Amino acid sequence: MTENDVRRVLSEKKEGFNVEAGGILHDVKYDLNVSGIEKVRVINRYDVSGVTDEEFDNAKPVVFSEPPVDILYDETVDLSDAAYVLIVESLPGQYDQRADSAAQCIQFMTAKERPIVKCARIIAFYGSDQKKRRRRSRVTLSTPLKPEKLLLRSLPLLSINMIFRQKLPMLKASLKCPMMSLKL
């Protein structure tokens, strides 16, 4: 693989450390009154471009996971028995602290240019599939995808699109003029 290829790694907290999944399960069961959900898994997905295979392998146990408390998956994770799956991603242009932090850590490790990192949170719900009640959690969390579609999704080409706008007009004002007489 070259440095421009996209590499994917997924990280999930081990049983006993998956506090976020327990919190979501509690919220869905008690706040949204969805009784069919028995288990929730939260998996962090990282797509990275701009690193070599060796650099990526070195970053896995340091940047993308904490080995004593996380399970690390390469490329895919089996979600075939989930009732449904939600993927929560940042919108284009929205700041993603997790992605930025990972990119900074990799840059520090490699002493090279900062790589491009995109993150997503995958939330898998297990239990009975009740369509009416599922709508409540969709509204609260995100847009669902069927697990099969998630597993078939190919790795995206990561790029940062820069939008250059036309030159903005400058405000011109005389120091002698009152504030109301500013001109464009």
Protein backbone atom coordinates (compact mmCIF):
# COMPACT_ATOMS: atom_id res chain seq x y z
CA MET A 1 0.00 0.00 0.00
CA THR A 2 1.13 3.53 -0.65
CA GLU A 3 0.88 6.50 1.69
CA ASN A 4 -2.19 7.77 -0.18
CA ASP A 5 -4.17 4.57 0.37
CA VAL A 6 -6.83 4.63 3.03
CA ARG A 7 -6.42 2.31 5.98
CA ARG A 8 -9.27 1.48 8.36
CA VAL A 9 -9.17 0.37 11.96
CA LEU A 10 -12.04 -0.05 14.42
CA SER A 11 -11.82 0.13 18.20
CA GLU A 12 -14.33 -1.10 20.80
CA LYS A 13 -14.18 -1.09 24.60
CA LYS A 14 -13.99 -4.53 26.23
CA GLU A 15 -16.77 -5.78 28.54
CA GLY A 16 -16.60 -3.93 31.82
CA PHE A 17 -15.05 -0.86 30.20
CA ASN A 18 -17.87 -0.09 27.74
CA VAL A 19 -19.50 2.63 29.84
CA GLU A 20 -20.73 4.62 26.83
CA ALA A 21 -22.58 1.58 25.43
CA GLY A 22 -24.19 1.00 28.82
CA GLY A 23 -25.30 4.62 28.94
CA ILE A 24 -26.87 4.44 25.48
CA LEU A 25 -28.61 1.18 26.39
CA HIS A 26 -30.02 2.81 29.52
CA ASP A 27 -31.19 5.89 27.57
CA VAL A 28 -32.86 3.81 24.85
CA LYS A 29 -34.56 1.47 27.33
CA TYR A 30 -35.73 3.96 29.93
CA ASP A 31 -35.82 7.42 28.34
CA LEU A 32 -37.12 6.28 24.95
CA ASN A 33 -39.06 3.30 26.36
CA VAL A 34 -37.69 0.80 23.82
CA SER A 35 -38.00 -2.55 25.58
CA GLY A 36 -36.69 -4.90 22.87
CA ILE A 37 -33.06 -3.77 22.98
CA GLU A 38 -30.85 -6.07 25.07
CA LYS A 39 -27.33 -4.95 24.17
CA VAL A 40 -25.54 -1.99 22.59
CA ARG A 41 -22.04 -1.89 21.12
CA VAL A 42 -20.17 1.35 20.41
CA ILE A 43 -17.30 1.07 17.95
CA ASN A 44 -15.02 3.90 16.86
CA ARG A 45 -14.05 3.75 13.19
CA TYR A 46 -10.90 5.49 11.94
CA ASP A 47 -10.03 5.97 8.26
CA VAL A 48 -6.45 7.18 7.79
CA SER A 49 -4.58 8.39 4.72
CA GLY A 50 -1.05 9.72 4.44
CA VAL A 51 0.88 7.08 6.39
CA THR A 52 2.81 3.95 5.46
CA ASP A 53 1.79 0.47 6.58
CA GLU A 54 4.55 0.45 9.19
CA GLU A 55 3.53 3.84 10.60
CA PHE A 56 -0.11 2.78 10.71
CA ASP A 57 0.73 -0.50 12.49
CA ASN A 58 2.82 1.44 15.05
CA ALA A 59 -0.05 3.87 15.67
CA LYS A 60 -2.73 1.21 16.23
CA PRO A 61 -1.96 0.33 19.86
CA VAL A 62 -0.96 3.87 20.80
CA VAL A 63 -3.31 6.25 18.96
CA PHE A 64 -6.43 4.24 18.14
CA SER A 65 -6.77 2.08 21.23
CA GLU A 66 -5.69 1.36 24.75
CA PRO A 67 -4.70 -2.34 24.59
CA PRO A 68 -5.77 -3.25 28.15
CA VAL A 69 -9.32 -1.93 27.65
CA ASP A 70 -9.97 -1.98 23.87
CA ILE A 71 -10.51 -4.58 21.18
CA LEU A 72 -9.00 -3.58 17.84
CA TYR A 73 -10.41 -4.73 14.48
CA ASP A 74 -8.72 -4.37 11.08
CA GLU A 75 -10.95 -3.13 8.23
CA THR A 76 -14.28 -4.73 9.32
CA VAL A 77 -16.24 -5.91 12.32
CA ASP A 78 -19.02 -8.51 12.32
CA LEU A 79 -22.37 -6.80 12.96
CA SER A 80 -24.52 -9.33 11.10
CA ASP A 81 -26.59 -10.28 14.16
CA ALA A 82 -27.38 -6.67 15.15
CA ALA A 83 -31.03 -5.60 14.97
CA TYR A 84 -29.85 -2.33 13.43
CA VAL A 85 -26.78 -0.16 13.18
CA LEU A 86 -26.32 3.61 13.36
CA ILE A 87 -23.28 5.44 12.08
CA VAL A 88 -22.60 8.90 13.46
CA GLU A 89 -20.12 11.00 11.48
CA SER A 90 -19.15 14.65 11.51
CA LEU A 91 -20.63 16.78 8.78
CA PRO A 92 -18.26 18.13 6.12
CA GLY A 93 -16.54 21.15 7.59
CA GLN A 94 -17.55 20.28 11.15
CA TYR A 95 -14.66 20.04 13.60
CA ASP A 96 -13.98 16.49 14.79
CA GLN A 97 -11.83 16.50 17.91
CA ARG A 98 -11.22 12.74 17.84
CA ALA A 99 -9.95 12.86 14.24
CA ASP A 100 -7.83 15.95 14.85
CA SER A 101 -6.27 14.44 17.97
CA ALA A 102 -5.47 11.19 16.16
CA ALA A 103 -3.89 13.10 13.25
CA GLN A 104 -1.77 15.18 15.65
CA CYS A 105 -0.58 12.07 17.50
CA ILE A 106 0.40 10.31 14.27
CA GLN A 107 2.20 13.43 13.06
CA PHE A 108 4.12 13.58 16.34
CA MET A 109 5.02 9.86 16.11
CA THR A 110 6.21 10.01 12.50
CA ALA A 111 7.72 13.53 12.49
CA LYS A 112 6.17 13.94 9.04
CA GLU A 113 3.27 15.83 7.54
CA ARG A 114 -0.06 15.46 9.34
CA PRO A 115 -2.14 12.60 7.88
CA ILE A 116 -5.83 12.86 7.07
CA VAL A 117 -8.02 11.08 9.62
CA LYS A 118 -11.80 10.67 9.45
CA CYS A 119 -13.73 9.19 12.37
CA ALA A 120 -17.17 7.74 12.86
CA ARG A 121 -18.97 6.15 15.76
CA ILE A 122 -20.83 2.93 14.98
CA ILE A 123 -23.64 2.07 17.37
CA ALA A 124 -25.03 -1.47 17.03
CA PHE A 125 -28.29 -2.43 18.74
CA TYR A 126 -29.04 -6.07 19.57
CA GLY A 127 -32.41 -7.53 20.48
CA SER A 128 -35.85 -7.66 18.91
CA ASP A 129 -36.41 -5.42 15.92
CA GLN A 130 -39.48 -3.32 16.65
CA LYS A 131 -40.01 -0.82 13.82
CA LYS A 132 -42.27 1.58 15.72
CA ARG A 133 -39.88 1.88 18.63
CA ARG A 134 -36.83 2.01 16.39
CA ARG A 135 -38.01 5.38 15.04
CA ARG A 136 -37.60 6.96 18.47
CA SER A 137 -33.93 6.07 18.69
CA ARG A 138 -33.33 7.14 15.07
CA VAL A 139 -34.51 10.61 15.86
CA THR A 140 -32.36 10.73 18.98
CA LEU A 141 -29.10 9.29 17.63
CA SER A 142 -28.70 9.34 13.82
CA THR A 143 -29.61 7.69 10.55
CA PRO A 144 -29.56 3.86 10.60
CA LEU A 145 -27.90 1.56 8.10
CA LYS A 146 -28.45 -2.14 7.73
CA PRO A 147 -25.36 -4.09 8.89
CA GLU A 148 -24.90 -5.61 5.43
CA LYS A 149 -24.59 -2.16 3.85
CA LEU A 150 -22.08 -1.14 6.49
CA LEU A 151 -19.89 -4.15 5.81
CA LEU A 152 -20.04 -3.61 2.04
CA ARG A 153 -19.09 0.06 2.23
CA SER A 154 -15.71 0.54 0.64
CA LEU A 155 -13.03 2.72 2.09
CA PRO A 156 -13.47 6.31 0.97
CA LEU A 157 -10.83 8.41 -0.71
CA LEU A 158 -9.93 10.91 1.97
CA SER A 159 -9.26 14.45 0.95
CA ILE A 160 -9.68 17.85 2.43
CA ASN A 161 -11.51 20.14 0.04
CA MET A 162 -10.51 23.76 0.30
CA ILE A 163 -13.10 26.25 -0.85
CA PHE A 164 -11.63 29.52 -2.01
CA ARG A 165 -14.18 32.28 -2.06
CA GLN A 166 -14.00 35.54 -3.87
CA LYS A 167 -12.23 38.34 -2.11
CA LEU A 168 -14.44 39.87 0.55
CA PRO A 169 -14.95 43.63 0.50
CA MET A 170 -13.04 45.59 3.11
CA LEU A 171 -14.75 48.01 5.46
CA LYS A 172 -13.41 51.51 5.03
CA ALA A 173 -13.99 54.19 7.58
CA SER A 174 -12.48 57.43 8.57
CA LEU A 175 -11.53 57.88 12.20
CA LYS A 176 -13.37 61.20 12.12
CA CYS A 177 -16.65 59.64 11.00
CA PRO A 178 -19.21 58.22 13.42
CA MET A 179 -19.65 54.43 13.34
CA MET A 180 -22.90 54.73 11.36
CA SER A 181 -21.09 56.09 8.30
CA LEU A 182 -19.01 52.98 7.51
CA LYS A 183 -18.84 52.21 3.77
CA LEU A 184 -18.13 49.03 1.88
